[in-house]
Structure formats: structure tokens, C-alpha cells
N, C-alpha and C. Protein backbone atom coordinates (compact mmCIF):
# COMPACT_ATOMS: atom_id res chain seq x y z
N UNK A 1 1.84 -3.26 19.92
CA UNK A 1 1.77 -3.39 18.67
C UNK A 1 2.12 -2.41 17.57
N UNK A 2 3.50 -2.87 17.30
CA UNK A 2 3.56 -1.60 16.06
C UNK A 2 2.40 -1.03 15.05
N UNK A 3 2.40 0.01 14.81
CA UNK A 3 1.17 0.34 13.85
C UNK A 3 1.15 -0.14 12.53
N UNK A 4 2.34 -0.62 11.70
CA UNK A 4 2.13 -1.37 10.78
C UNK A 4 1.82 -2.61 10.93
N UNK A 5 1.95 -3.50 11.76
CA UNK A 5 1.38 -4.70 12.16
C UNK A 5 -0.39 -4.53 12.33
N UNK A 6 -0.69 -3.53 13.38
CA UNK A 6 -2.37 -3.09 13.53
C UNK A 6 -2.80 -3.25 11.83
N UNK A 7 -1.74 -2.14 11.28
CA UNK A 7 -2.58 -1.84 9.99
C UNK A 7 -2.81 -3.21 8.91
N UNK A 8 -1.89 -4.23 9.14
CA UNK A 8 -1.82 -5.59 8.40
C UNK A 8 -3.27 -6.37 9.19
N UNK A 9 -2.74 -6.26 10.73
CA UNK A 9 -4.09 -6.97 10.97
C UNK A 9 -5.74 -6.65 10.66
N UNK A 10 -5.62 -5.23 10.81
CA UNK A 10 -6.76 -4.71 10.60
C UNK A 10 -7.48 -5.08 8.65
N UNK A 11 -6.80 -4.91 7.58
CA UNK A 11 -6.68 -5.03 6.30
C UNK A 11 -7.26 -6.32 6.43
N UNK A 12 -6.38 -7.06 6.82
CA UNK A 12 -6.39 -8.69 7.03
C UNK A 12 -8.24 -8.80 7.04
N UNK A 13 -8.57 -8.67 8.31
CA UNK A 13 -9.90 -8.88 8.93
C UNK A 13 -10.99 -8.27 7.86
N UNK A 14 -10.75 -7.00 7.28
CA UNK A 14 -11.46 -6.42 6.25
C UNK A 14 -11.45 -7.38 5.09
N UNK A 15 -10.44 -7.95 4.60
CA UNK A 15 -10.54 -8.91 3.61
C UNK A 15 -11.88 -10.02 3.79
N UNK A 16 -11.42 -10.50 5.18
CA UNK A 16 -12.04 -11.80 5.48
C UNK A 16 -13.78 -11.23 5.94
N UNK A 17 -13.95 -9.92 6.07
CA UNK A 17 -15.16 -9.62 6.41
C UNK A 17 -15.65 -9.57 7.64
N UNK A 18 -14.65 -9.70 8.67
CA UNK A 18 -14.81 -9.78 9.82
C UNK A 18 -14.22 -8.39 11.12
N UNK A 19 -14.34 -7.32 9.62
CA UNK A 19 -13.67 -5.98 10.40
C UNK A 19 -14.52 -5.29 11.06
N UNK A 20 -14.76 -5.03 12.30
CA UNK A 20 -15.59 -4.30 13.26
C UNK A 20 -15.07 -2.76 12.90
N UNK A 21 -15.70 -2.03 12.75
CA UNK A 21 -15.94 -0.44 12.36
C UNK A 21 -14.98 0.09 13.44
N UNK A 22 -14.67 -0.26 14.55
CA UNK A 22 -13.68 0.38 15.64
C UNK A 22 -12.92 -0.69 16.12
N UNK A 23 -11.37 -0.54 15.90
CA UNK A 23 -10.58 -1.75 16.50
C UNK A 23 -10.57 -1.08 18.18
N UNK A 24 -11.17 -2.38 19.01
CA UNK A 24 -11.25 -1.81 20.46
C UNK A 24 -9.81 -2.11 20.78
N UNK A 25 -9.23 -2.79 20.44
CA UNK A 25 -7.76 -3.19 20.99
C UNK A 25 -6.85 -1.80 20.63
N UNK A 26 -7.02 -1.46 19.56
CA UNK A 26 -6.26 0.09 19.26
C UNK A 26 -7.21 1.38 20.55
N UNK A 27 -8.18 1.35 20.59
CA UNK A 27 -8.56 1.99 21.50
C UNK A 27 -8.19 1.70 23.08
N UNK A 28 -8.24 0.04 23.36
CA UNK A 28 -7.52 -0.08 24.56
C UNK A 28 -6.02 0.42 24.94
N UNK A 29 -5.43 0.35 24.08
CA UNK A 29 -4.22 0.81 24.15
C UNK A 29 -4.05 1.96 24.08
N UNK A 30 -4.69 2.91 23.79
CA UNK A 30 -4.82 4.48 23.68
C UNK A 30 -5.10 4.76 25.18
N UNK A 31 -6.10 4.34 25.50
CA UNK A 31 -6.81 4.39 26.99
C UNK A 31 -5.75 3.72 28.31
N UNK A 32 -5.30 2.64 27.77
CA UNK A 32 -4.03 1.86 28.85
C UNK A 32 -5.46 0.95 29.57
N UNK A 33 -6.17 0.85 28.64
CA UNK A 33 -7.48 -0.34 29.43
C UNK A 33 -8.44 0.26 30.24
N UNK A 34 -8.10 1.45 30.47
CA UNK A 34 -9.53 2.15 31.35
C UNK A 34 -10.77 2.49 30.69
N UNK A 35 -11.67 1.43 30.89
CA UNK A 35 -12.67 1.54 30.67
C UNK A 35 -14.07 2.79 30.41
N UNK A 36 -13.81 3.52 31.67
CA UNK A 36 -14.31 4.71 31.84
C UNK A 36 -13.47 5.59 31.05
N UNK A 37 -12.54 5.82 30.51
CA UNK A 37 -11.95 6.97 29.89
C UNK A 37 -12.57 6.58 28.35
N UNK A 38 -12.27 5.02 28.10
CA UNK A 38 -13.08 4.30 26.62
C UNK A 38 -14.11 4.99 26.06
N UNK A 39 -14.87 4.50 27.57
CA UNK A 39 -16.56 5.26 27.30
C UNK A 39 -16.54 6.95 26.86
N UNK A 40 -16.20 7.62 27.61
CA UNK A 40 -15.71 8.93 27.92
C UNK A 40 -15.41 9.32 26.43
N UNK A 41 -14.21 8.79 25.87
CA UNK A 41 -13.93 9.13 24.49
C UNK A 41 -14.29 8.97 23.46
N UNK A 42 -15.34 7.52 23.11
CA UNK A 42 -16.50 6.96 22.59
C UNK A 42 -17.14 8.14 22.42
N UNK A 43 -17.67 8.84 23.98
CA UNK A 43 -19.02 9.53 23.53
C UNK A 43 -18.33 10.59 23.28
N UNK A 44 -17.02 11.19 23.18
CA UNK A 44 -16.72 12.59 22.83
C UNK A 44 -16.71 12.45 21.31
N UNK A 45 -16.17 11.35 20.96
CA UNK A 45 -16.03 10.95 19.75
C UNK A 45 -16.95 11.29 18.59
N UNK A 46 -18.48 10.34 19.29
CA UNK A 46 -20.01 10.87 18.30
C UNK A 46 -20.30 12.12 18.37
N UNK A 47 -20.15 13.12 19.45
CA UNK A 47 -20.53 14.31 19.45
C UNK A 47 -19.46 15.14 18.43
N UNK A 48 -18.24 14.89 18.59
CA UNK A 48 -17.37 15.88 17.51
C UNK A 48 -17.24 15.54 16.27
N UNK A 49 -17.73 13.97 15.78
CA UNK A 49 -17.47 13.57 14.66
C UNK A 49 -18.96 13.77 13.62
N UNK A 50 -19.72 14.24 14.46
CA UNK A 50 -21.05 14.49 13.97
C UNK A 50 -20.99 16.22 13.45
N UNK A 51 -20.16 16.96 14.23
CA UNK A 51 -19.84 18.48 13.93
C UNK A 51 -19.07 18.43 12.86
N UNK A 52 -18.32 17.43 12.95
CA UNK A 52 -17.09 17.62 11.76
C UNK A 52 -17.97 17.28 10.15
N UNK A 53 -18.92 16.47 10.33
CA UNK A 53 -19.36 15.78 8.98
C UNK A 53 -20.16 16.84 8.96
N UNK A 54 -21.41 17.63 9.68
CA UNK A 54 -21.99 19.12 9.14
C UNK A 54 -21.38 20.00 8.89
N UNK A 55 -20.29 20.14 9.19
CA UNK A 55 -19.27 21.05 8.66
C UNK A 55 -18.87 20.95 7.20
N UNK A 56 -18.52 19.51 6.68
CA UNK A 56 -18.09 18.81 5.62
C UNK A 56 -19.48 19.03 4.72
N UNK A 57 -20.20 19.00 5.04
CA UNK A 57 -21.79 18.87 4.38
C UNK A 57 -22.16 20.17 4.00
N UNK A 58 -22.01 21.10 5.20
CA UNK A 58 -22.96 22.49 4.63
C UNK A 58 -21.89 23.60 4.58
N UNK A 59 -20.35 23.65 4.80
CA UNK A 59 -19.87 24.75 4.70
C UNK A 59 -19.72 24.93 2.85
N UNK A 60 -19.65 26.52 2.79
CA UNK A 60 -19.26 26.88 1.68
C UNK A 60 -18.10 27.10 1.51
N UNK A 61 -17.23 27.16 2.52
CA UNK A 61 -16.00 27.09 2.35
C UNK A 61 -15.29 26.17 2.22
N UNK A 62 -14.28 25.99 1.35
CA UNK A 62 -13.41 24.58 0.84
C UNK A 62 -12.49 24.49 1.97
N UNK A 63 -11.88 25.54 2.61
CA UNK A 63 -10.73 25.39 3.77
C UNK A 63 -11.59 24.67 4.81
N UNK A 64 -12.87 25.44 5.43
CA UNK A 64 -13.42 24.66 6.14
C UNK A 64 -13.72 23.06 6.36
N UNK A 65 -14.27 22.83 4.68
CA UNK A 65 -14.69 21.38 4.52
C UNK A 65 -13.05 20.57 4.84
N UNK A 66 -12.06 21.10 4.19
CA UNK A 66 -10.86 20.11 4.25
C UNK A 66 -10.23 20.12 5.57
N UNK A 67 -10.69 21.16 6.70
CA UNK A 67 -10.20 20.94 7.82
C UNK A 67 -11.29 20.43 8.89
N UNK A 68 -12.42 20.21 8.45
CA UNK A 68 -13.44 19.29 8.84
C UNK A 68 -12.77 17.70 8.41
N UNK A 69 -12.44 17.58 7.85
CA UNK A 69 -11.97 16.37 6.99
C UNK A 69 -10.93 15.71 7.75
N UNK A 70 -10.24 16.75 7.67
CA UNK A 70 -8.74 16.45 8.51
C UNK A 70 -8.67 15.62 9.99
N UNK A 71 -9.96 17.01 10.44
CA UNK A 71 -10.32 16.67 12.19
C UNK A 71 -10.75 15.63 12.11
N UNK A 72 -11.93 14.90 11.45
CA UNK A 72 -12.52 13.69 11.83
C UNK A 72 -11.54 12.28 11.16
N UNK A 73 -10.62 12.72 10.45
CA UNK A 73 -9.85 11.60 9.82
C UNK A 73 -8.86 11.33 11.15
N UNK A 74 -8.24 12.42 11.81
CA UNK A 74 -7.80 12.25 13.28
C UNK A 74 -8.38 11.77 14.04
N UNK A 75 -9.35 12.10 14.51
CA UNK A 75 -10.05 11.84 15.25
C UNK A 75 -10.31 10.23 15.38
N UNK A 76 -10.90 9.98 13.98
CA UNK A 76 -11.03 8.31 13.74
C UNK A 76 -10.16 7.36 13.98
N UNK A 77 -8.76 8.02 13.49
CA UNK A 77 -7.83 6.96 13.60
C UNK A 77 -7.41 7.05 15.64
N UNK A 78 -7.79 8.04 16.10
CA UNK A 78 -7.48 8.15 17.37
C UNK A 78 -8.38 6.66 18.07
N UNK A 79 -9.66 6.48 17.70
CA UNK A 79 -10.55 5.55 18.14
C UNK A 79 -10.28 4.23 17.98
N UNK A 80 -9.17 4.30 16.86
CA UNK A 80 -9.30 2.94 15.97
C UNK A 80 -10.39 2.74 14.76
N UNK A 81 -10.93 3.73 14.21
CA UNK A 81 -11.87 3.42 13.16
C UNK A 81 -11.51 3.93 12.24
N UNK A 82 -10.50 2.82 11.50
CA UNK A 82 -9.53 3.35 10.12
C UNK A 82 -10.22 3.25 9.27
N UNK A 83 -11.23 2.56 8.75
CA UNK A 83 -12.24 2.70 7.50
C UNK A 83 -12.17 3.94 7.41
N UNK A 84 -12.91 4.74 8.65
CA UNK A 84 -13.75 5.87 8.63
C UNK A 84 -12.43 7.14 8.27
N UNK A 85 -11.37 6.67 9.12
CA UNK A 85 -10.41 7.52 8.84
C UNK A 85 -9.82 7.68 7.22
N UNK A 86 -10.16 6.47 6.68
CA UNK A 86 -9.54 6.61 5.56
C UNK A 86 -10.72 7.28 4.21
N UNK A 87 -11.63 7.02 4.66
CA UNK A 87 -12.84 7.83 3.73
C UNK A 87 -12.72 9.22 4.00
N UNK A 88 -12.37 9.80 5.30
CA UNK A 88 -12.60 11.41 5.58
C UNK A 88 -11.00 11.74 4.64
N UNK A 89 -10.00 10.95 4.89
CA UNK A 89 -8.63 11.27 4.07
C UNK A 89 -9.19 11.45 2.60
N UNK A 90 -9.90 10.88 2.14
CA UNK A 90 -9.75 10.67 0.53
C UNK A 90 -10.72 12.19 0.24
N UNK A 91 -11.70 12.96 1.07
CA UNK A 91 -12.35 13.97 0.57
C UNK A 91 -11.58 14.95 1.38
N UNK A 92 -10.51 14.66 2.14
CA UNK A 92 -9.59 15.97 2.46
C UNK A 92 -8.68 17.06 1.33
N UNK A 93 -9.36 17.15 0.45
CA UNK A 93 -8.71 17.91 -0.85
C UNK A 93 -9.86 18.85 -1.08
N UNK A 94 -9.43 19.73 -2.16
CA UNK A 94 -10.27 20.94 -2.31
C UNK A 94 -11.61 20.45 -3.19
N UNK A 95 -11.59 19.52 -3.89
CA UNK A 95 -12.79 19.14 -4.27
C UNK A 95 -13.76 18.82 -3.61
N UNK A 96 -15.11 19.26 -3.87
CA UNK A 96 -16.17 18.64 -3.20
C UNK A 96 -17.27 17.82 -3.84
N UNK A 97 -17.48 17.06 -3.08
CA UNK A 97 -17.92 15.30 -3.11
C UNK A 97 -17.34 14.48 -2.81
N UNK A 98 -18.22 13.49 -2.71
CA UNK A 98 -17.29 12.24 -2.20
C UNK A 98 -18.11 12.11 -0.47
N UNK A 99 -18.52 12.77 -0.25
CA UNK A 99 -19.13 13.00 1.50
C UNK A 99 -20.01 11.64 1.75
N UNK A 100 -20.61 11.14 0.95
CA UNK A 100 -21.52 10.28 1.11
C UNK A 100 -20.94 8.80 1.45
N UNK A 101 -19.98 8.63 1.44
CA UNK A 101 -19.02 7.27 1.82
C UNK A 101 -18.37 7.63 3.08
N UNK A 102 -18.46 8.76 3.30
CA UNK A 102 -18.09 9.30 4.92
C UNK A 102 -19.09 9.29 5.76
N UNK A 103 -20.17 9.84 5.32
CA UNK A 103 -21.27 9.68 6.34
C UNK A 103 -21.69 8.54 6.33
N UNK A 104 -21.92 7.62 5.12
CA UNK A 104 -22.40 6.48 5.60
C UNK A 104 -21.35 5.69 6.65
N UNK A 105 -19.91 5.70 6.72
CA UNK A 105 -18.68 4.82 7.17
C UNK A 105 -19.36 5.61 8.94
N UNK A 106 -19.69 6.79 8.91
CA UNK A 106 -19.70 7.63 10.13
C UNK A 106 -20.62 6.72 11.04
N UNK A 107 -21.95 6.59 10.18
CA UNK A 107 -23.11 5.79 10.91
C UNK A 107 -22.68 4.84 11.28
N UNK A 108 -22.10 3.64 10.69
CA UNK A 108 -21.48 2.46 10.71
C UNK A 108 -21.22 2.59 12.27
N UNK A 109 -20.16 3.69 12.13
CA UNK A 109 -19.32 3.45 13.47
C UNK A 109 -19.77 4.11 14.62
N UNK A 110 -20.68 5.21 14.38
CA UNK A 110 -21.61 5.48 15.78
C UNK A 110 -22.56 4.37 15.93
N UNK A 111 -23.42 3.82 15.00
CA UNK A 111 -24.20 2.74 15.23
C UNK A 111 -23.42 1.50 16.28
N UNK A 112 -22.23 1.48 16.05
CA UNK A 112 -21.51 0.11 16.72
C UNK A 112 -20.84 0.49 18.33
N UNK A 113 -20.51 2.08 18.10
CA UNK A 113 -20.28 2.45 19.57
C UNK A 113 -21.80 2.26 20.51
N UNK A 114 -22.65 2.64 19.70
CA UNK A 114 -23.98 2.81 20.43
C UNK A 114 -24.62 1.26 20.99
N UNK A 115 -24.12 0.23 20.40
CA UNK A 115 -24.35 -0.99 20.85
C UNK A 115 -23.43 -1.62 21.57
N UNK A 116 -22.33 -1.13 21.79
CA UNK A 116 -21.21 -1.32 22.63
C UNK A 116 -21.89 -0.58 24.27
N UNK A 117 -22.49 0.41 24.38
CA UNK A 117 -22.78 0.48 25.60
C UNK A 117 -23.98 0.32 25.98
């Protein structure tokens, strides 16, 4: 499915209130349906995403916060956590703040991943 169509479907699900925190169809296409690989990718995402979040919240260096936000955005897009990626993209700037929304969405994504397994 082309990326633009995936995004349209995701946005429609959001408007209808039935969007999942992780687009499992997208994840499946990234892993070619390999369930063991999906589980491994999600496990790595949980670990790495929490590291990125801590860097965003605790780093005194603006550059490190921006890099952490950018890394989280890419990792989230990779697994199909598009809402999280959008929130991370919003704080991917020199200003400090707005991390509460990222943190809340990350918690929602991790809770969803944990209920899958």
C-alpha cells in the first residue's frame, strides 16, 4: 500500500476514534509478516524509545534533545506508531517543552505493545 494511502487510512481511523497506537499492518509489511521479527522489533522499540524519551527530558544540551526527538520519530514511524512520530516531530526543534504529549503518547504505545504479547 502506498505511503500516502496508508496515511489517509490512518487519519480516517483517528477521526473515527478507532486508531490503534501502532499500525500492525504497517509493521507487518516492514517485517514481511514474520511474527518473531515483529516481536523482536517491538521489544527493541520499547527499550530504545524509553532511552530517547529520557534523553529528551533530561539532557541540558539542545542538540541532544533534538537528536533524541528525531530518533524517536524515525523509530516510531518504522513500527507504525504514526501519532507518536508526529508528537516527536513537533518537539524536534530548539525550543524546550511539549514533551508531556510525547511522553503520554509513548506510554499509550508501550501499553498497547505490552497487551499484544
